[in-house]
Amino acid sequence: MGFECKKLHLEFLQAAISRMAQNSFSLKAWTVTLVSAMFALAAHQANLLFILLCYIPLCAFWVLDAYYLRQEGLFRKLYDKVRESDEDLKFSMNTAVVEGEVASWLCVMFSVTLRVFYGVVGLAVLVVMLGLRR
């Protein structure tokens, strides 16, 4: 594989890695935004249902965030494989060749960083819910 082709392939992979990281960041921002909006609605109308509904986007975004972080990990491993390899991978973006080298989706979902972020948000929802019940 020529140097220019390898460089271009690595740029494609880096773009995918950057997109996955941006998606993960956006999901965290949307989580905070939606939960805050639901808090505002619940406080304004003193309705416990709005607080309970917070758990739907919280769980959905947690699952999606884990998916994007795992995809980012797969693309990082593929990047390393292309970087270290002299074989011609023909600009492959197929991460199946590194599937076993990255933690499972479930392991990523319960990684320390995701547990802390989504756990704190979930705990905040619980605290607000208990505060509204009084």
N, C-alpha and C. Protein backbone atom coordinates (compact mmCIF):
# COMPACT_ATOMS: atom_id res chain seq x y z
N MET A 1 0.86 -1.17 0.00
CA MET A 1 0.00 0.00 0.00
C MET A 1 0.90 1.23 0.00
N GLY A 2 0.67 2.12 -0.92
CA GLY A 2 1.48 3.32 -1.00
C GLY A 2 1.21 4.25 0.18
N PHE A 3 2.19 5.06 0.47
CA PHE A 3 2.09 5.99 1.61
C PHE A 3 0.88 6.91 1.49
N GLU A 4 0.64 7.44 0.29
CA GLU A 4 -0.49 8.37 0.10
C GLU A 4 -1.83 7.66 0.32
N CYS A 5 -1.94 6.42 -0.18
CA CYS A 5 -3.18 5.66 0.00
C CYS A 5 -3.40 5.35 1.48
N LYS A 6 -2.34 4.97 2.15
CA LYS A 6 -2.45 4.67 3.58
C LYS A 6 -2.85 5.92 4.36
N LYS A 7 -2.24 7.03 4.01
CA LYS A 7 -2.56 8.29 4.67
C LYS A 7 -4.03 8.66 4.47
N LEU A 8 -4.53 8.49 3.26
CA LEU A 8 -5.92 8.79 2.95
C LEU A 8 -6.86 7.85 3.71
N HIS A 9 -6.51 6.59 3.77
CA HIS A 9 -7.31 5.60 4.50
C HIS A 9 -7.38 5.99 5.98
N LEU A 10 -6.24 6.38 6.55
CA LEU A 10 -6.21 6.80 7.96
C LEU A 10 -7.05 8.05 8.19
N GLU A 11 -7.06 8.94 7.21
CA GLU A 11 -7.90 10.15 7.33
C GLU A 11 -9.38 9.79 7.33
N PHE A 12 -9.77 8.82 6.50
CA PHE A 12 -11.17 8.36 6.50
C PHE A 12 -11.55 7.80 7.86
N LEU A 13 -10.65 6.97 8.39
CA LEU A 13 -10.92 6.37 9.70
C LEU A 13 -10.98 7.43 10.80
N GLN A 14 -10.08 8.40 10.73
CA GLN A 14 -10.08 9.46 11.74
C GLN A 14 -11.37 10.27 11.67
N ALA A 15 -11.89 10.48 10.49
CA ALA A 15 -13.16 11.20 10.34
C ALA A 15 -14.30 10.41 11.00
N ALA A 16 -14.30 9.11 10.83
CA ALA A 16 -15.33 8.27 11.46
C ALA A 16 -15.19 8.32 12.99
N ILE A 17 -13.96 8.25 13.48
CA ILE A 17 -13.71 8.33 14.92
C ILE A 17 -14.22 9.67 15.46
N SER A 18 -13.94 10.73 14.76
CA SER A 18 -14.39 12.06 15.20
C SER A 18 -15.91 12.16 15.21
N ARG A 19 -16.57 11.58 14.22
CA ARG A 19 -18.04 11.60 14.19
C ARG A 19 -18.62 10.84 15.37
N MET A 20 -18.05 9.69 15.68
CA MET A 20 -18.55 8.90 16.81
C MET A 20 -18.36 9.66 18.13
N ALA A 21 -17.23 10.30 18.29
CA ALA A 21 -16.98 11.08 19.50
C ALA A 21 -17.94 12.26 19.60
N GLN A 22 -18.20 12.92 18.48
CA GLN A 22 -19.14 14.05 18.46
C GLN A 22 -20.56 13.57 18.78
N ASN A 23 -20.94 12.42 18.25
CA ASN A 23 -22.27 11.88 18.55
C ASN A 23 -22.41 11.59 20.04
N SER A 24 -21.38 11.02 20.64
CA SER A 24 -21.41 10.73 22.07
C SER A 24 -21.56 12.02 22.88
N PHE A 25 -20.80 13.03 22.52
CA PHE A 25 -20.88 14.31 23.21
C PHE A 25 -22.27 14.93 23.05
N SER A 26 -22.82 14.86 21.85
CA SER A 26 -24.15 15.43 21.59
C SER A 26 -25.23 14.72 22.41
N LEU A 27 -25.10 13.41 22.55
CA LEU A 27 -26.09 12.68 23.35
C LEU A 27 -26.06 13.12 24.81
N LYS A 28 -24.87 13.36 25.32
CA LYS A 28 -24.78 13.84 26.70
C LYS A 28 -25.40 15.23 26.84
N ALA A 29 -25.15 16.08 25.86
CA ALA A 29 -25.73 17.43 25.89
C ALA A 29 -27.26 17.35 25.79
N TRP A 30 -27.77 16.50 24.92
CA TRP A 30 -29.22 16.36 24.79
C TRP A 30 -29.83 15.77 26.06
N THR A 31 -29.13 14.87 26.70
CA THR A 31 -29.63 14.29 27.95
C THR A 31 -29.84 15.38 28.98
N VAL A 32 -28.83 16.20 29.18
CA VAL A 32 -28.93 17.28 30.17
C VAL A 32 -30.02 18.26 29.77
N THR A 33 -30.09 18.61 28.50
CA THR A 33 -31.10 19.57 28.03
C THR A 33 -32.51 19.05 28.25
N LEU A 34 -32.78 17.81 27.82
CA LEU A 34 -34.13 17.27 27.95
C LEU A 34 -34.53 17.06 29.41
N VAL A 35 -33.63 16.56 30.21
CA VAL A 35 -33.95 16.35 31.62
C VAL A 35 -34.19 17.70 32.30
N SER A 36 -33.40 18.69 31.98
CA SER A 36 -33.62 20.03 32.55
C SER A 36 -34.96 20.60 32.14
N ALA A 37 -35.33 20.42 30.89
CA ALA A 37 -36.62 20.90 30.40
C ALA A 37 -37.76 20.20 31.12
N MET A 38 -37.61 18.89 31.32
CA MET A 38 -38.64 18.14 32.04
C MET A 38 -38.73 18.60 33.50
N PHE A 39 -37.58 18.92 34.10
CA PHE A 39 -37.59 19.46 35.46
C PHE A 39 -38.37 20.76 35.51
N ALA A 40 -38.13 21.62 34.53
CA ALA A 40 -38.82 22.91 34.49
C ALA A 40 -40.33 22.71 34.35
N LEU A 41 -40.73 21.80 33.46
CA LEU A 41 -42.16 21.52 33.30
C LEU A 41 -42.76 20.93 34.57
N ALA A 42 -42.04 20.03 35.20
CA ALA A 42 -42.54 19.41 36.42
C ALA A 42 -42.67 20.43 37.54
N ALA A 43 -41.71 21.32 37.66
CA ALA A 43 -41.75 22.34 38.71
C ALA A 43 -42.88 23.33 38.45
N HIS A 44 -43.07 23.68 37.19
CA HIS A 44 -44.10 24.65 36.83
C HIS A 44 -45.50 24.09 37.08
N GLN A 45 -45.70 22.83 36.73
CA GLN A 45 -47.03 22.24 36.84
C GLN A 45 -47.17 21.30 38.03
N ALA A 46 -46.10 21.12 38.78
CA ALA A 46 -46.09 20.20 39.94
C ALA A 46 -46.65 18.83 39.54
N ASN A 47 -46.18 18.33 38.41
CA ASN A 47 -46.66 17.07 37.88
C ASN A 47 -45.53 16.04 37.91
N LEU A 48 -45.74 14.99 38.67
CA LEU A 48 -44.74 13.94 38.83
C LEU A 48 -44.51 13.16 37.52
N LEU A 49 -45.49 13.14 36.65
CA LEU A 49 -45.37 12.41 35.39
C LEU A 49 -44.19 12.92 34.54
N PHE A 50 -43.96 14.23 34.53
CA PHE A 50 -42.85 14.78 33.76
C PHE A 50 -41.51 14.26 34.27
N ILE A 51 -41.42 14.09 35.56
CA ILE A 51 -40.17 13.57 36.14
C ILE A 51 -40.00 12.10 35.75
N LEU A 52 -41.07 11.33 35.84
CA LEU A 52 -40.97 9.92 35.46
C LEU A 52 -40.62 9.77 33.98
N LEU A 53 -41.12 10.67 33.14
CA LEU A 53 -40.81 10.61 31.72
C LEU A 53 -39.34 10.90 31.43
N CYS A 54 -38.64 11.51 32.36
CA CYS A 54 -37.20 11.77 32.18
C CYS A 54 -36.41 10.49 31.98
N TYR A 55 -36.89 9.40 32.57
CA TYR A 55 -36.14 8.16 32.47
C TYR A 55 -36.15 7.57 31.06
N ILE A 56 -37.13 7.93 30.25
CA ILE A 56 -37.17 7.39 28.88
C ILE A 56 -36.01 7.92 28.04
N PRO A 57 -35.84 9.25 27.91
CA PRO A 57 -34.67 9.70 27.13
C PRO A 57 -33.35 9.37 27.82
N LEU A 58 -33.35 9.36 29.14
CA LEU A 58 -32.12 9.02 29.87
C LEU A 58 -31.64 7.62 29.49
N CYS A 59 -32.53 6.66 29.52
CA CYS A 59 -32.16 5.28 29.16
C CYS A 59 -31.83 5.15 27.68
N ALA A 60 -32.63 5.79 26.84
CA ALA A 60 -32.39 5.71 25.39
C ALA A 60 -31.03 6.32 25.02
N PHE A 61 -30.73 7.47 25.60
CA PHE A 61 -29.45 8.12 25.29
C PHE A 61 -28.28 7.36 25.87
N TRP A 62 -28.47 6.71 27.01
CA TRP A 62 -27.41 5.90 27.61
C TRP A 62 -27.06 4.74 26.67
N VAL A 63 -28.07 4.08 26.14
CA VAL A 63 -27.86 2.97 25.20
C VAL A 63 -27.16 3.47 23.93
N LEU A 64 -27.66 4.56 23.37
CA LEU A 64 -27.04 5.11 22.16
C LEU A 64 -25.61 5.57 22.40
N ASP A 65 -25.37 6.19 23.54
CA ASP A 65 -24.03 6.65 23.87
C ASP A 65 -23.06 5.47 23.93
N ALA A 66 -23.49 4.39 24.55
CA ALA A 66 -22.64 3.19 24.62
C ALA A 66 -22.37 2.65 23.21
N TYR A 67 -23.38 2.67 22.36
CA TYR A 67 -23.20 2.21 20.99
C TYR A 67 -22.14 3.05 20.28
N TYR A 68 -22.26 4.37 20.36
CA TYR A 68 -21.31 5.24 19.66
C TYR A 68 -19.89 5.12 20.24
N LEU A 69 -19.79 4.98 21.55
CA LEU A 69 -18.46 4.82 22.14
C LEU A 69 -17.82 3.50 21.73
N ARG A 70 -18.63 2.46 21.61
CA ARG A 70 -18.09 1.18 21.13
C ARG A 70 -17.66 1.29 19.68
N GLN A 71 -18.47 1.94 18.86
CA GLN A 71 -18.10 2.14 17.46
C GLN A 71 -16.80 2.94 17.37
N GLU A 72 -16.67 3.95 18.20
CA GLU A 72 -15.43 4.73 18.22
C GLU A 72 -14.24 3.84 18.56
N GLY A 73 -14.42 2.97 19.54
CA GLY A 73 -13.36 2.03 19.91
C GLY A 73 -13.00 1.09 18.78
N LEU A 74 -14.01 0.61 18.06
CA LEU A 74 -13.76 -0.27 16.92
C LEU A 74 -12.97 0.45 15.83
N PHE A 75 -13.37 1.69 15.53
CA PHE A 75 -12.65 2.44 14.51
C PHE A 75 -11.23 2.79 14.96
N ARG A 76 -11.03 3.01 16.25
CA ARG A 76 -9.67 3.27 16.75
C ARG A 76 -8.78 2.04 16.56
N LYS A 77 -9.36 0.86 16.86
CA LYS A 77 -8.60 -0.38 16.66
C LYS A 77 -8.29 -0.61 15.18
N LEU A 78 -9.28 -0.34 14.33
CA LEU A 78 -9.06 -0.48 12.89
C LEU A 78 -7.99 0.50 12.41
N TYR A 79 -8.03 1.72 12.95
CA TYR A 79 -7.02 2.73 12.63
C TYR A 79 -5.62 2.19 12.97
N ASP A 80 -5.49 1.63 14.17
CA ASP A 80 -4.19 1.07 14.58
C ASP A 80 -3.76 -0.07 13.66
N LYS A 81 -4.73 -0.91 13.28
CA LYS A 81 -4.41 -2.04 12.39
C LYS A 81 -3.90 -1.53 11.03
N VAL A 82 -4.57 -0.53 10.49
CA VAL A 82 -4.14 0.04 9.20
C VAL A 82 -2.79 0.72 9.36
N ARG A 83 -2.61 1.45 10.45
CA ARG A 83 -1.36 2.18 10.69
C ARG A 83 -0.17 1.23 10.78
N GLU A 84 -0.37 0.10 11.44
CA GLU A 84 0.73 -0.84 11.66
C GLU A 84 0.92 -1.84 10.52
N SER A 85 -0.07 -1.96 9.65
CA SER A 85 -0.05 -2.99 8.62
C SER A 85 0.60 -2.50 7.32
N ASP A 86 1.20 -3.45 6.63
CA ASP A 86 1.74 -3.16 5.31
C ASP A 86 0.85 -3.77 4.21
N GLU A 87 -0.17 -4.51 4.64
CA GLU A 87 -1.05 -5.14 3.64
C GLU A 87 -2.04 -4.12 3.09
N ASP A 88 -2.55 -4.41 1.92
CA ASP A 88 -3.50 -3.53 1.25
C ASP A 88 -4.91 -3.85 1.74
N LEU A 89 -5.51 -2.96 2.52
CA LEU A 89 -6.85 -3.18 3.05
C LEU A 89 -7.92 -2.54 2.18
N LYS A 90 -7.53 -1.98 1.08
CA LYS A 90 -8.44 -1.40 0.09
C LYS A 90 -9.46 -0.44 0.70
N PHE A 91 -8.99 0.44 1.55
CA PHE A 91 -9.82 1.47 2.17
C PHE A 91 -11.01 0.89 2.93
N SER A 92 -10.83 -0.27 3.51
CA SER A 92 -11.90 -0.93 4.24
C SER A 92 -12.27 -0.14 5.50
N MET A 93 -13.57 0.02 5.70
CA MET A 93 -14.09 0.62 6.93
C MET A 93 -14.81 -0.44 7.75
N ASN A 94 -14.62 -1.69 7.39
CA ASN A 94 -15.28 -2.81 8.07
C ASN A 94 -14.56 -3.10 9.38
N THR A 95 -15.26 -2.90 10.48
CA THR A 95 -14.65 -3.08 11.80
C THR A 95 -14.74 -4.52 12.30
N ALA A 96 -15.31 -5.41 11.51
CA ALA A 96 -15.46 -6.81 11.94
C ALA A 96 -14.11 -7.47 12.21
N VAL A 97 -13.06 -7.01 11.54
CA VAL A 97 -11.74 -7.62 11.72
C VAL A 97 -11.15 -7.32 13.09
N VAL A 98 -11.68 -6.34 13.80
CA VAL A 98 -11.18 -5.99 15.14
C VAL A 98 -12.25 -6.16 16.22
N GLU A 99 -13.34 -6.81 15.86
CA GLU A 99 -14.49 -6.96 16.76
C GLU A 99 -14.11 -7.54 18.13
N GLY A 100 -13.28 -8.56 18.15
CA GLY A 100 -12.91 -9.22 19.40
C GLY A 100 -11.92 -8.42 20.25
N GLU A 101 -11.38 -7.35 19.73
CA GLU A 101 -10.38 -6.57 20.45
C GLU A 101 -10.98 -5.41 21.25
N VAL A 102 -12.27 -5.23 21.14
CA VAL A 102 -12.94 -4.11 21.81
C VAL A 102 -13.99 -4.68 22.76
N ALA A 103 -14.17 -4.03 23.89
CA ALA A 103 -15.16 -4.48 24.87
C ALA A 103 -16.55 -4.53 24.24
N SER A 104 -17.37 -5.40 24.76
CA SER A 104 -18.73 -5.54 24.24
C SER A 104 -19.53 -4.27 24.51
N TRP A 105 -20.64 -4.17 23.81
CA TRP A 105 -21.51 -3.00 23.95
C TRP A 105 -21.99 -2.87 25.40
N LEU A 106 -22.33 -3.99 26.02
CA LEU A 106 -22.81 -3.98 27.40
C LEU A 106 -21.72 -3.53 28.37
N CYS A 107 -20.49 -3.98 28.14
CA CYS A 107 -19.37 -3.54 28.98
C CYS A 107 -19.12 -2.04 28.84
N VAL A 108 -19.24 -1.55 27.62
CA VAL A 108 -19.07 -0.12 27.39
C VAL A 108 -20.19 0.65 28.08
N MET A 109 -21.40 0.12 28.02
CA MET A 109 -22.55 0.79 28.63
C MET A 109 -22.36 0.95 30.14
N PHE A 110 -21.74 -0.02 30.77
CA PHE A 110 -21.54 0.04 32.21
C PHE A 110 -20.10 0.40 32.58
N SER A 111 -19.42 1.08 31.66
CA SER A 111 -18.07 1.57 31.97
C SER A 111 -18.19 2.66 33.03
N VAL A 112 -17.10 2.95 33.69
CA VAL A 112 -17.11 3.91 34.79
C VAL A 112 -17.64 5.28 34.33
N THR A 113 -17.17 5.76 33.20
CA THR A 113 -17.56 7.11 32.78
C THR A 113 -19.05 7.20 32.46
N LEU A 114 -19.60 6.20 31.79
CA LEU A 114 -21.03 6.25 31.47
C LEU A 114 -21.88 6.01 32.72
N ARG A 115 -21.43 5.11 33.59
CA ARG A 115 -22.17 4.90 34.85
C ARG A 115 -22.22 6.17 35.66
N VAL A 116 -21.10 6.87 35.75
CA VAL A 116 -21.07 8.10 36.54
C VAL A 116 -21.98 9.16 35.91
N PHE A 117 -21.83 9.41 34.62
CA PHE A 117 -22.62 10.47 33.99
C PHE A 117 -24.12 10.17 34.08
N TYR A 118 -24.53 9.01 33.56
CA TYR A 118 -25.96 8.71 33.53
C TYR A 118 -26.49 8.36 34.92
N GLY A 119 -25.63 7.85 35.79
CA GLY A 119 -26.03 7.60 37.17
C GLY A 119 -26.33 8.88 37.93
N VAL A 120 -25.48 9.88 37.73
CA VAL A 120 -25.71 11.17 38.39
C VAL A 120 -26.99 11.82 37.87
N VAL A 121 -27.21 11.77 36.57
CA VAL A 121 -28.44 12.34 36.01
C VAL A 121 -29.65 11.57 36.53
N GLY A 122 -29.57 10.25 36.55
CA GLY A 122 -30.67 9.43 37.07
C GLY A 122 -30.93 9.71 38.55
N LEU A 123 -29.87 9.90 39.31
CA LEU A 123 -30.00 10.23 40.72
C LEU A 123 -30.64 11.60 40.89
N ALA A 124 -30.28 12.55 40.06
CA ALA A 124 -30.88 13.88 40.11
C ALA A 124 -32.38 13.79 39.83
N VAL A 125 -32.75 12.97 38.86
CA VAL A 125 -34.18 12.78 38.55
C VAL A 125 -34.90 12.21 39.77
N LEU A 126 -34.28 11.24 40.42
CA LEU A 126 -34.88 10.63 41.60
C LEU A 126 -35.04 11.64 42.73
N VAL A 127 -34.03 12.45 42.96
CA VAL A 127 -34.08 13.47 44.02
C VAL A 127 -35.20 14.48 43.73
N VAL A 128 -35.29 14.93 42.50
CA VAL A 128 -36.35 15.88 42.13
C VAL A 128 -37.72 15.21 42.28
N MET A 129 -37.81 13.96 41.89
CA MET A 129 -39.08 13.24 42.00
C MET A 129 -39.49 13.15 43.48
N LEU A 130 -38.56 12.82 44.34
CA LEU A 130 -38.88 12.72 45.77
C LEU A 130 -39.22 14.10 46.34
N GLY A 131 -38.55 15.12 45.85
CA GLY A 131 -38.85 16.48 46.30
C GLY A 131 -40.23 16.94 45.89
N LEU A 132 -40.69 16.54 44.73
CA LEU A 132 -42.02 16.92 44.27
C LEU A 132 -43.14 16.19 45.00
N ARG A 133 -42.82 15.02 45.51
CA ARG A 133 -43.85 14.23 46.21
C ARG A 133 -44.23 14.86 47.54
N ARG A 134 -43.39 15.75 48.05
CA ARG A 134 -43.67 16.35 49.37
C ARG A 134 -44.57 17.50 49.27
